[in-house]
Amino acid sequence: MCAVTDPVFRSLDGDADVAALQDLLESAPDYTERITGYPPGPSDALSALISVPEGFDPVGKHGWGLFDGDRLVAFADVLLGYPDPGAAFVGLLLVRGDRQGQGLGRALHEAVVARVRSVPGIGRLRLGIVATNAAVAEPFWRALGYTPTGETKPYRYDHLESTVALWERPL
């Protein structure tokens, strides 16, 4: 398959987009298995679109995607103003399994950066890398200018116990 050719960046909303996100999640089951210990479940897309940390106003949650026609090829979950007003938190950035390695992750990240730069007061991006996914995730995020903050927190999903390392980069 050829390189990225003008994918469309837009917000996800509505039932059709939930189905498109579920299809994307199911196309890359290895990611979900690394961070949960399970393959994608039938409600993972809806959960990705509506779940927020305790105390966070859902108005600041955004699901943005790159679409190739009607197919969602990359998705980012971003919390504006989390964990503090000067940050935006990338909770997930995932590329469709059969489209990885084509520059879609970088293209989506660039679109996210452009969108977040338009939000007054936000000066940095944060994210967490679960240790069970670090071998795959760290090279990608490092190439985009993120560095570890030195902060780590316990991570647990059902029977999977790990840690999450926080990374940042300036806008």
N, C-alpha and C. Protein backbone atom coordinates (compact mmCIF):
# COMPACT_ATOMS: atom_id res chain seq x y z
N MET A 1 0.83 -1.18 0.00
CA MET A 1 0.00 0.00 0.00
C MET A 1 0.88 1.25 0.00
N CYS A 2 0.43 2.30 -0.63
CA CYS A 2 1.23 3.52 -0.76
C CYS A 2 1.14 4.38 0.49
N ALA A 3 1.90 5.45 0.49
CA ALA A 3 1.94 6.35 1.64
C ALA A 3 0.62 7.12 1.77
N VAL A 4 0.51 7.87 2.85
CA VAL A 4 -0.68 8.65 3.15
C VAL A 4 -0.97 9.62 2.01
N THR A 5 -2.23 9.68 1.59
CA THR A 5 -2.62 10.59 0.51
C THR A 5 -3.84 11.40 0.91
N ASP A 6 -3.68 12.42 1.71
CA ASP A 6 -4.76 13.31 2.08
C ASP A 6 -5.89 12.67 2.88
N PRO A 7 -5.60 12.04 3.99
CA PRO A 7 -6.71 11.57 4.83
C PRO A 7 -7.42 12.78 5.42
N VAL A 8 -8.68 12.61 5.76
CA VAL A 8 -9.50 13.69 6.31
C VAL A 8 -9.48 13.60 7.84
N PHE A 9 -9.15 14.71 8.49
CA PHE A 9 -9.12 14.81 9.95
C PHE A 9 -10.44 15.40 10.41
N ARG A 10 -11.10 14.70 11.35
CA ARG A 10 -12.34 15.23 11.90
C ARG A 10 -12.66 14.59 13.24
N SER A 11 -13.60 15.22 13.95
CA SER A 11 -14.09 14.68 15.21
C SER A 11 -14.97 13.48 14.94
N LEU A 12 -14.97 12.55 15.90
CA LEU A 12 -15.87 11.41 15.82
C LEU A 12 -17.13 11.74 16.60
N ASP A 13 -18.26 11.38 16.03
CA ASP A 13 -19.52 11.50 16.74
C ASP A 13 -20.56 10.61 16.05
N GLY A 14 -21.53 10.17 16.79
CA GLY A 14 -22.59 9.37 16.21
C GLY A 14 -22.28 7.89 16.17
N ASP A 15 -23.33 7.12 15.93
CA ASP A 15 -23.23 5.66 15.93
C ASP A 15 -22.30 5.12 14.85
N ALA A 16 -22.31 5.74 13.68
CA ALA A 16 -21.44 5.25 12.59
C ALA A 16 -19.97 5.36 12.99
N ASP A 17 -19.62 6.43 13.71
CA ASP A 17 -18.24 6.60 14.13
C ASP A 17 -17.87 5.64 15.25
N VAL A 18 -18.81 5.29 16.11
CA VAL A 18 -18.54 4.27 17.13
C VAL A 18 -18.20 2.96 16.44
N ALA A 19 -18.98 2.60 15.42
CA ALA A 19 -18.73 1.36 14.67
C ALA A 19 -17.38 1.43 13.95
N ALA A 20 -17.05 2.59 13.40
CA ALA A 20 -15.76 2.75 12.71
C ALA A 20 -14.60 2.60 13.70
N LEU A 21 -14.74 3.16 14.89
CA LEU A 21 -13.69 3.03 15.90
C LEU A 21 -13.58 1.59 16.38
N GLN A 22 -14.70 0.92 16.56
CA GLN A 22 -14.65 -0.48 16.98
C GLN A 22 -13.92 -1.31 15.93
N ASP A 23 -14.18 -1.05 14.66
CA ASP A 23 -13.49 -1.76 13.58
C ASP A 23 -11.99 -1.49 13.64
N LEU A 24 -11.59 -0.24 13.89
CA LEU A 24 -10.18 0.10 14.00
C LEU A 24 -9.54 -0.64 15.18
N LEU A 25 -10.20 -0.62 16.34
CA LEU A 25 -9.65 -1.30 17.52
C LEU A 25 -9.47 -2.81 17.25
N GLU A 26 -10.44 -3.40 16.60
CA GLU A 26 -10.37 -4.83 16.30
C GLU A 26 -9.32 -5.16 15.25
N SER A 27 -8.91 -4.15 14.47
CA SER A 27 -7.87 -4.37 13.45
C SER A 27 -6.47 -4.42 14.05
N ALA A 28 -6.34 -4.00 15.31
CA ALA A 28 -5.03 -3.98 15.98
C ALA A 28 -5.16 -4.62 17.36
N PRO A 29 -5.56 -5.90 17.42
CA PRO A 29 -5.81 -6.53 18.72
C PRO A 29 -4.58 -6.65 19.60
N ASP A 30 -3.39 -6.67 19.00
CA ASP A 30 -2.17 -6.80 19.80
C ASP A 30 -1.99 -5.63 20.76
N TYR A 31 -2.41 -4.42 20.35
CA TYR A 31 -2.32 -3.27 21.25
C TYR A 31 -3.18 -3.50 22.49
N THR A 32 -4.44 -3.83 22.28
CA THR A 32 -5.35 -4.03 23.40
C THR A 32 -4.87 -5.15 24.31
N GLU A 33 -4.36 -6.21 23.73
CA GLU A 33 -3.86 -7.33 24.54
C GLU A 33 -2.66 -6.92 25.38
N ARG A 34 -1.80 -6.04 24.84
CA ARG A 34 -0.64 -5.59 25.61
C ARG A 34 -1.04 -4.73 26.80
N ILE A 35 -2.12 -3.95 26.68
CA ILE A 35 -2.46 -3.05 27.79
C ILE A 35 -3.60 -3.54 28.67
N THR A 36 -4.32 -4.58 28.24
CA THR A 36 -5.41 -5.09 29.07
C THR A 36 -5.29 -6.58 29.37
N GLY A 37 -4.51 -7.29 28.56
CA GLY A 37 -4.44 -8.74 28.70
C GLY A 37 -5.54 -9.46 27.94
N TYR A 38 -6.39 -8.70 27.24
CA TYR A 38 -7.52 -9.27 26.50
C TYR A 38 -7.57 -8.71 25.08
N PRO A 39 -8.20 -9.43 24.16
CA PRO A 39 -8.47 -8.84 22.84
C PRO A 39 -9.54 -7.75 22.99
N PRO A 40 -9.74 -6.93 21.97
CA PRO A 40 -10.76 -5.89 22.06
C PRO A 40 -12.13 -6.48 22.36
N GLY A 41 -12.86 -5.80 23.26
CA GLY A 41 -14.22 -6.21 23.59
C GLY A 41 -15.23 -5.44 22.77
N PRO A 42 -16.49 -5.89 22.76
CA PRO A 42 -17.50 -5.28 21.89
C PRO A 42 -17.89 -3.85 22.24
N SER A 43 -17.57 -3.39 23.44
CA SER A 43 -17.92 -2.01 23.82
C SER A 43 -16.69 -1.12 23.99
N ASP A 44 -15.53 -1.57 23.54
CA ASP A 44 -14.31 -0.78 23.72
C ASP A 44 -14.36 0.57 23.01
N ALA A 45 -14.97 0.63 21.83
CA ALA A 45 -15.03 1.90 21.11
C ALA A 45 -15.88 2.92 21.86
N LEU A 46 -17.04 2.50 22.31
CA LEU A 46 -17.90 3.41 23.05
C LEU A 46 -17.20 3.88 24.32
N SER A 47 -16.53 2.97 25.00
CA SER A 47 -15.79 3.33 26.20
C SER A 47 -14.70 4.35 25.88
N ALA A 48 -13.98 4.15 24.78
CA ALA A 48 -12.90 5.08 24.39
C ALA A 48 -13.46 6.47 24.10
N LEU A 49 -14.67 6.53 23.61
CA LEU A 49 -15.26 7.82 23.25
C LEU A 49 -15.90 8.56 24.43
N ILE A 50 -16.28 7.85 25.50
CA ILE A 50 -16.99 8.53 26.58
C ILE A 50 -16.28 8.52 27.93
N SER A 51 -15.34 7.63 28.14
CA SER A 51 -14.68 7.53 29.45
C SER A 51 -13.76 8.71 29.71
N VAL A 52 -13.85 9.24 30.93
CA VAL A 52 -12.96 10.32 31.36
C VAL A 52 -12.47 10.02 32.77
N PRO A 53 -11.33 10.58 33.15
CA PRO A 53 -10.86 10.40 34.53
C PRO A 53 -11.85 11.02 35.52
N GLU A 54 -11.86 10.48 36.71
CA GLU A 54 -12.74 10.98 37.76
C GLU A 54 -12.50 12.47 37.98
N GLY A 55 -13.59 13.24 37.98
CA GLY A 55 -13.50 14.67 38.22
C GLY A 55 -13.24 15.51 36.98
N PHE A 56 -12.98 14.88 35.84
CA PHE A 56 -12.70 15.64 34.61
C PHE A 56 -14.02 15.93 33.88
N ASP A 57 -14.19 17.17 33.43
CA ASP A 57 -15.39 17.57 32.71
C ASP A 57 -15.36 16.96 31.30
N PRO A 58 -16.34 16.13 30.96
CA PRO A 58 -16.36 15.48 29.64
C PRO A 58 -16.35 16.44 28.45
N VAL A 59 -16.66 17.71 28.68
CA VAL A 59 -16.62 18.70 27.60
C VAL A 59 -15.20 18.81 27.03
N GLY A 60 -14.18 18.54 27.85
CA GLY A 60 -12.80 18.64 27.40
C GLY A 60 -12.29 17.41 26.67
N LYS A 61 -13.12 16.38 26.53
CA LYS A 61 -12.70 15.14 25.87
C LYS A 61 -13.01 15.22 24.38
N HIS A 62 -12.01 14.81 23.57
CA HIS A 62 -12.17 14.85 22.11
C HIS A 62 -11.66 13.56 21.49
N GLY A 63 -12.46 13.00 20.62
CA GLY A 63 -12.05 11.87 19.81
C GLY A 63 -11.87 12.36 18.39
N TRP A 64 -10.63 12.34 17.91
CA TRP A 64 -10.32 12.84 16.57
C TRP A 64 -9.77 11.70 15.74
N GLY A 65 -10.10 11.71 14.46
CA GLY A 65 -9.64 10.63 13.61
C GLY A 65 -9.21 11.09 12.24
N LEU A 66 -8.47 10.21 11.58
CA LEU A 66 -8.15 10.37 10.17
C LEU A 66 -8.99 9.35 9.42
N PHE A 67 -9.70 9.82 8.42
CA PHE A 67 -10.57 8.97 7.62
C PHE A 67 -10.06 8.90 6.20
N ASP A 68 -10.02 7.69 5.66
CA ASP A 68 -9.73 7.44 4.25
C ASP A 68 -11.06 7.00 3.65
N GLY A 69 -11.77 7.94 3.05
CA GLY A 69 -13.14 7.67 2.65
C GLY A 69 -13.98 7.52 3.90
N ASP A 70 -14.73 6.42 4.00
CA ASP A 70 -15.54 6.16 5.18
C ASP A 70 -14.81 5.39 6.25
N ARG A 71 -13.60 4.94 5.96
CA ARG A 71 -12.86 4.10 6.90
C ARG A 71 -11.98 4.93 7.82
N LEU A 72 -12.15 4.71 9.12
CA LEU A 72 -11.29 5.33 10.12
C LEU A 72 -9.95 4.60 10.11
N VAL A 73 -8.87 5.33 9.81
CA VAL A 73 -7.56 4.69 9.71
C VAL A 73 -6.64 5.03 10.88
N ALA A 74 -7.00 6.07 11.65
CA ALA A 74 -6.22 6.42 12.84
C ALA A 74 -7.12 7.21 13.77
N PHE A 75 -6.90 7.01 15.09
CA PHE A 75 -7.75 7.64 16.09
C PHE A 75 -6.89 8.17 17.23
N ALA A 76 -7.29 9.34 17.75
CA ALA A 76 -6.65 9.91 18.93
C ALA A 76 -7.72 10.35 19.92
N ASP A 77 -7.49 10.00 21.19
CA ASP A 77 -8.33 10.42 22.30
C ASP A 77 -7.54 11.48 23.05
N VAL A 78 -8.08 12.70 23.14
CA VAL A 78 -7.34 13.81 23.74
C VAL A 78 -8.21 14.51 24.77
N LEU A 79 -7.62 14.76 25.95
CA LEU A 79 -8.27 15.49 27.03
C LEU A 79 -7.63 16.87 27.12
N LEU A 80 -8.39 17.90 26.79
CA LEU A 80 -7.88 19.27 26.86
C LEU A 80 -7.99 19.78 28.29
N GLY A 81 -6.86 20.25 28.84
CA GLY A 81 -6.85 20.75 30.21
C GLY A 81 -6.68 19.67 31.25
N TYR A 82 -6.04 18.58 30.88
CA TYR A 82 -5.79 17.48 31.83
C TYR A 82 -4.33 17.08 31.78
N PRO A 83 -3.68 16.88 32.89
CA PRO A 83 -4.18 16.86 34.26
C PRO A 83 -4.26 18.24 34.89
N ASP A 84 -3.86 19.26 34.14
CA ASP A 84 -3.96 20.63 34.63
C ASP A 84 -4.29 21.52 33.44
N PRO A 85 -4.69 22.77 33.68
CA PRO A 85 -5.14 23.62 32.57
C PRO A 85 -4.09 23.88 31.49
N GLY A 86 -2.81 23.70 31.79
CA GLY A 86 -1.75 23.96 30.81
C GLY A 86 -1.37 22.77 29.95
N ALA A 87 -2.10 21.65 30.10
CA ALA A 87 -1.73 20.43 29.38
C ALA A 87 -2.92 19.87 28.61
N ALA A 88 -2.58 19.11 27.59
CA ALA A 88 -3.54 18.24 26.90
C ALA A 88 -2.97 16.84 27.00
N PHE A 89 -3.83 15.88 27.31
CA PHE A 89 -3.39 14.51 27.53
C PHE A 89 -3.85 13.63 26.38
N VAL A 90 -2.90 12.96 25.74
CA VAL A 90 -3.21 12.01 24.66
C VAL A 90 -3.42 10.66 25.33
N GLY A 91 -4.68 10.25 25.46
CA GLY A 91 -5.00 9.00 26.12
C GLY A 91 -4.79 7.79 25.22
N LEU A 92 -4.90 8.01 23.92
CA LEU A 92 -4.75 6.92 22.96
C LEU A 92 -4.47 7.53 21.60
N LEU A 93 -3.54 6.94 20.88
CA LEU A 93 -3.35 7.23 19.47
C LEU A 93 -3.07 5.88 18.84
N LEU A 94 -3.96 5.47 17.95
CA LEU A 94 -3.87 4.13 17.37
C LEU A 94 -4.15 4.18 15.88
N VAL A 95 -3.34 3.44 15.13
CA VAL A 95 -3.49 3.32 13.68
C VAL A 95 -4.03 1.94 13.36
N ARG A 96 -4.89 1.88 12.38
CA ARG A 96 -5.45 0.62 11.91
C ARG A 96 -4.33 -0.39 11.66
N GLY A 97 -4.55 -1.62 12.05
CA GLY A 97 -3.51 -2.65 11.96
C GLY A 97 -2.91 -2.81 10.58
N ASP A 98 -3.73 -2.78 9.53
CA ASP A 98 -3.22 -2.98 8.17
C ASP A 98 -2.68 -1.70 7.54
N ARG A 99 -2.68 -0.59 8.29
CA ARG A 99 -2.17 0.67 7.77
C ARG A 99 -1.00 1.21 8.58
N GLN A 100 -0.51 0.42 9.54
CA GLN A 100 0.63 0.87 10.34
C GLN A 100 1.88 0.95 9.48
N GLY A 101 2.75 1.89 9.82
CA GLY A 101 4.00 2.05 9.09
C GLY A 101 3.88 2.92 7.85
N GLN A 102 2.74 3.58 7.67
CA GLN A 102 2.53 4.41 6.48
C GLN A 102 2.54 5.91 6.78
N GLY A 103 2.86 6.28 8.01
CA GLY A 103 2.91 7.69 8.37
C GLY A 103 1.60 8.24 8.91
N LEU A 104 0.60 7.39 9.08
CA LEU A 104 -0.70 7.87 9.56
C LEU A 104 -0.64 8.33 11.02
N GLY A 105 0.12 7.64 11.85
CA GLY A 105 0.25 8.05 13.24
C GLY A 105 0.87 9.43 13.35
N ARG A 106 1.92 9.66 12.59
CA ARG A 106 2.57 10.97 12.59
C ARG A 106 1.62 12.04 12.04
N ALA A 107 0.91 11.72 10.96
CA ALA A 107 -0.02 12.68 10.37
C ALA A 107 -1.14 13.04 11.35
N LEU A 108 -1.67 12.04 12.03
CA LEU A 108 -2.72 12.32 13.02
C LEU A 108 -2.15 13.16 14.16
N HIS A 109 -0.96 12.81 14.62
CA HIS A 109 -0.35 13.59 15.70
C HIS A 109 -0.16 15.05 15.29
N GLU A 110 0.28 15.30 14.06
CA GLU A 110 0.45 16.67 13.58
C GLU A 110 -0.87 17.42 13.57
N ALA A 111 -1.95 16.73 13.17
CA ALA A 111 -3.27 17.36 13.18
C ALA A 111 -3.73 17.65 14.61
N VAL A 112 -3.46 16.74 15.52
CA VAL A 112 -3.80 16.95 16.93
C VAL A 112 -3.03 18.15 17.47
N VAL A 113 -1.74 18.21 17.20
CA VAL A 113 -0.92 19.33 17.67
C VAL A 113 -1.48 20.65 17.15
N ALA A 114 -1.83 20.70 15.87
CA ALA A 114 -2.38 21.92 15.29
C ALA A 114 -3.68 22.31 15.99
N ARG A 115 -4.53 21.35 16.26
CA ARG A 115 -5.81 21.63 16.93
C ARG A 115 -5.56 22.10 18.36
N VAL A 116 -4.68 21.43 19.09
CA VAL A 116 -4.43 21.80 20.49
C VAL A 116 -3.77 23.17 20.58
N ARG A 117 -2.92 23.51 19.61
CA ARG A 117 -2.28 24.83 19.63
C ARG A 117 -3.30 25.95 19.56
N SER A 118 -4.48 25.68 19.04
CA SER A 118 -5.51 26.71 18.92
C SER A 118 -6.27 26.93 20.24
N VAL A 119 -5.96 26.12 21.26
CA VAL A 119 -6.64 26.23 22.55
C VAL A 119 -5.80 27.13 23.47
N PRO A 120 -6.32 28.28 23.86
CA PRO A 120 -5.55 29.19 24.72
C PRO A 120 -5.13 28.53 26.03
N GLY A 121 -3.89 28.78 26.42
CA GLY A 121 -3.40 28.34 27.72
C GLY A 121 -2.75 26.98 27.76
N ILE A 122 -2.90 26.18 26.71
CA ILE A 122 -2.28 24.85 26.71
C ILE A 122 -0.92 24.96 26.05
N GLY A 123 0.12 24.54 26.78
CA GLY A 123 1.48 24.67 26.28
C GLY A 123 2.24 23.36 26.15
N ARG A 124 1.61 22.25 26.56
CA ARG A 124 2.33 20.98 26.46
C ARG A 124 1.35 19.83 26.27
N LEU A 125 1.87 18.76 25.72
CA LEU A 125 1.14 17.51 25.57
C LEU A 125 1.74 16.48 26.51
N ARG A 126 0.86 15.67 27.12
CA ARG A 126 1.28 14.60 28.02
C ARG A 126 0.66 13.30 27.55
N LEU A 127 1.27 12.22 27.96
CA LEU A 127 0.72 10.89 27.70
C LEU A 127 1.34 9.91 28.66
N GLY A 128 0.73 8.75 28.76
CA GLY A 128 1.26 7.69 29.59
C GLY A 128 1.55 6.46 28.75
N ILE A 129 2.69 5.84 29.00
CA ILE A 129 3.07 4.62 28.28
C ILE A 129 3.06 3.48 29.29
N VAL A 130 2.16 2.53 29.06
CA VAL A 130 2.07 1.35 29.92
C VAL A 130 3.30 0.48 29.63
N ALA A 131 3.95 0.00 30.68
CA ALA A 131 5.20 -0.76 30.53
C ALA A 131 5.05 -1.96 29.61
N THR A 132 3.88 -2.62 29.62
CA THR A 132 3.67 -3.78 28.76
C THR A 132 3.55 -3.41 27.28
N ASN A 133 3.48 -2.12 26.99
CA ASN A 133 3.41 -1.63 25.61
C ASN A 133 4.63 -0.77 25.26
N ALA A 134 5.56 -0.62 26.19
CA ALA A 134 6.67 0.32 26.02
C ALA A 134 7.57 0.00 24.84
N ALA A 135 7.85 -1.25 24.57
CA ALA A 135 8.76 -1.60 23.48
C ALA A 135 8.23 -1.10 22.14
N VAL A 136 6.93 -1.08 21.99
CA VAL A 136 6.32 -0.61 20.74
C VAL A 136 6.12 0.90 20.78
N ALA A 137 5.64 1.42 21.91
CA ALA A 137 5.24 2.83 21.99
C ALA A 137 6.39 3.82 22.13
N GLU A 138 7.39 3.49 22.93
CA GLU A 138 8.43 4.47 23.22
C GLU A 138 9.15 4.99 21.98
N PRO A 139 9.56 4.15 21.03
CA PRO A 139 10.24 4.71 19.84
C PRO A 139 9.35 5.68 19.05
N PHE A 140 8.07 5.37 18.95
CA PHE A 140 7.14 6.24 18.23
C PHE A 140 7.05 7.60 18.90
N TRP A 141 6.78 7.61 20.21
CA TRP A 141 6.61 8.87 20.92
C TRP A 141 7.90 9.66 21.00
N ARG A 142 9.03 8.97 21.17
CA ARG A 142 10.32 9.66 21.21
C ARG A 142 10.58 10.38 19.88
N ALA A 143 10.24 9.72 18.76
CA ALA A 143 10.43 10.32 17.44
C ALA A 143 9.57 11.57 17.24
N LEU A 144 8.49 11.69 18.01
CA LEU A 144 7.61 12.86 17.92
C LEU A 144 7.98 13.94 18.94
N GLY A 145 9.09 13.76 19.64
CA GLY A 145 9.59 14.80 20.54
C GLY A 145 9.20 14.66 22.00
N TYR A 146 8.59 13.55 22.38
CA TYR A 146 8.22 13.33 23.78
C TYR A 146 9.41 12.78 24.55
N THR A 147 9.48 13.14 25.82
CA THR A 147 10.51 12.61 26.70
C THR A 147 9.87 12.21 28.03
N PRO A 148 10.46 11.23 28.70
CA PRO A 148 9.90 10.82 30.00
C PRO A 148 10.02 11.94 31.03
N THR A 149 9.01 12.07 31.87
CA THR A 149 9.04 13.08 32.94
C THR A 149 9.72 12.53 34.18
N GLY A 150 9.88 11.22 34.24
CA GLY A 150 10.40 10.57 35.44
C GLY A 150 9.28 10.10 36.38
N GLU A 151 8.05 10.49 36.08
CA GLU A 151 6.91 10.08 36.90
C GLU A 151 6.41 8.71 36.43
N THR A 152 6.16 7.84 37.37
CA THR A 152 5.52 6.56 37.06
C THR A 152 4.40 6.34 38.06
N LYS A 153 3.41 5.60 37.62
CA LYS A 153 2.27 5.27 38.47
C LYS A 153 1.93 3.81 38.28
N PRO A 154 1.32 3.20 39.28
CA PRO A 154 0.87 1.82 39.11
C PRO A 154 -0.23 1.76 38.04
N TYR A 155 -0.30 0.67 37.33
CA TYR A 155 -1.31 0.45 36.30
C TYR A 155 -1.91 -0.93 36.51
N ARG A 156 -3.22 -0.98 36.49
CA ARG A 156 -3.88 -2.28 36.64
C ARG A 156 -5.11 -2.33 35.75
N TYR A 157 -5.26 -3.42 35.04
CA TYR A 157 -6.46 -3.70 34.27
C TYR A 157 -6.82 -5.15 34.54
N ASP A 158 -7.83 -5.37 35.34
CA ASP A 158 -8.25 -6.71 35.75
C ASP A 158 -7.04 -7.45 36.32
N HIS A 159 -6.58 -8.52 35.67
CA HIS A 159 -5.46 -9.30 36.21
C HIS A 159 -4.09 -8.78 35.77
N LEU A 160 -4.05 -7.84 34.81
CA LEU A 160 -2.78 -7.32 34.32
C LEU A 160 -2.31 -6.20 35.25
N GLU A 161 -1.12 -6.37 35.82
CA GLU A 161 -0.53 -5.34 36.66
C GLU A 161 0.77 -4.88 36.03
N SER A 162 0.94 -3.57 35.95
CA SER A 162 2.11 -2.99 35.31
C SER A 162 2.34 -1.61 35.90
N THR A 163 3.06 -0.79 35.17
CA THR A 163 3.24 0.61 35.53
C THR A 163 3.00 1.45 34.29
N VAL A 164 2.75 2.71 34.51
CA VAL A 164 2.63 3.66 33.40
C VAL A 164 3.64 4.78 33.64
N ALA A 165 4.41 5.09 32.61
CA ALA A 165 5.40 6.16 32.68
C ALA A 165 4.83 7.37 31.94
N LEU A 166 4.91 8.55 32.56
CA LEU A 166 4.39 9.76 31.93
C LEU A 166 5.47 10.42 31.09
N TRP A 167 5.06 10.86 29.91
CA TRP A 167 5.94 11.52 28.95
C TRP A 167 5.31 12.85 28.57
N GLU A 168 6.15 13.81 28.14
CA GLU A 168 5.67 15.14 27.75
C GLU A 168 6.46 15.68 26.58
N ARG A 169 5.85 16.67 25.94
CA ARG A 169 6.55 17.49 24.96
C ARG A 169 5.88 18.85 24.91
N PRO A 170 6.66 19.89 24.65
CA PRO A 170 6.03 21.22 24.50
C PRO A 170 5.27 21.29 23.18
N LEU A 171 4.29 22.18 23.15
CA LEU A 171 3.59 22.42 21.88
C LEU A 171 4.48 23.24 20.98
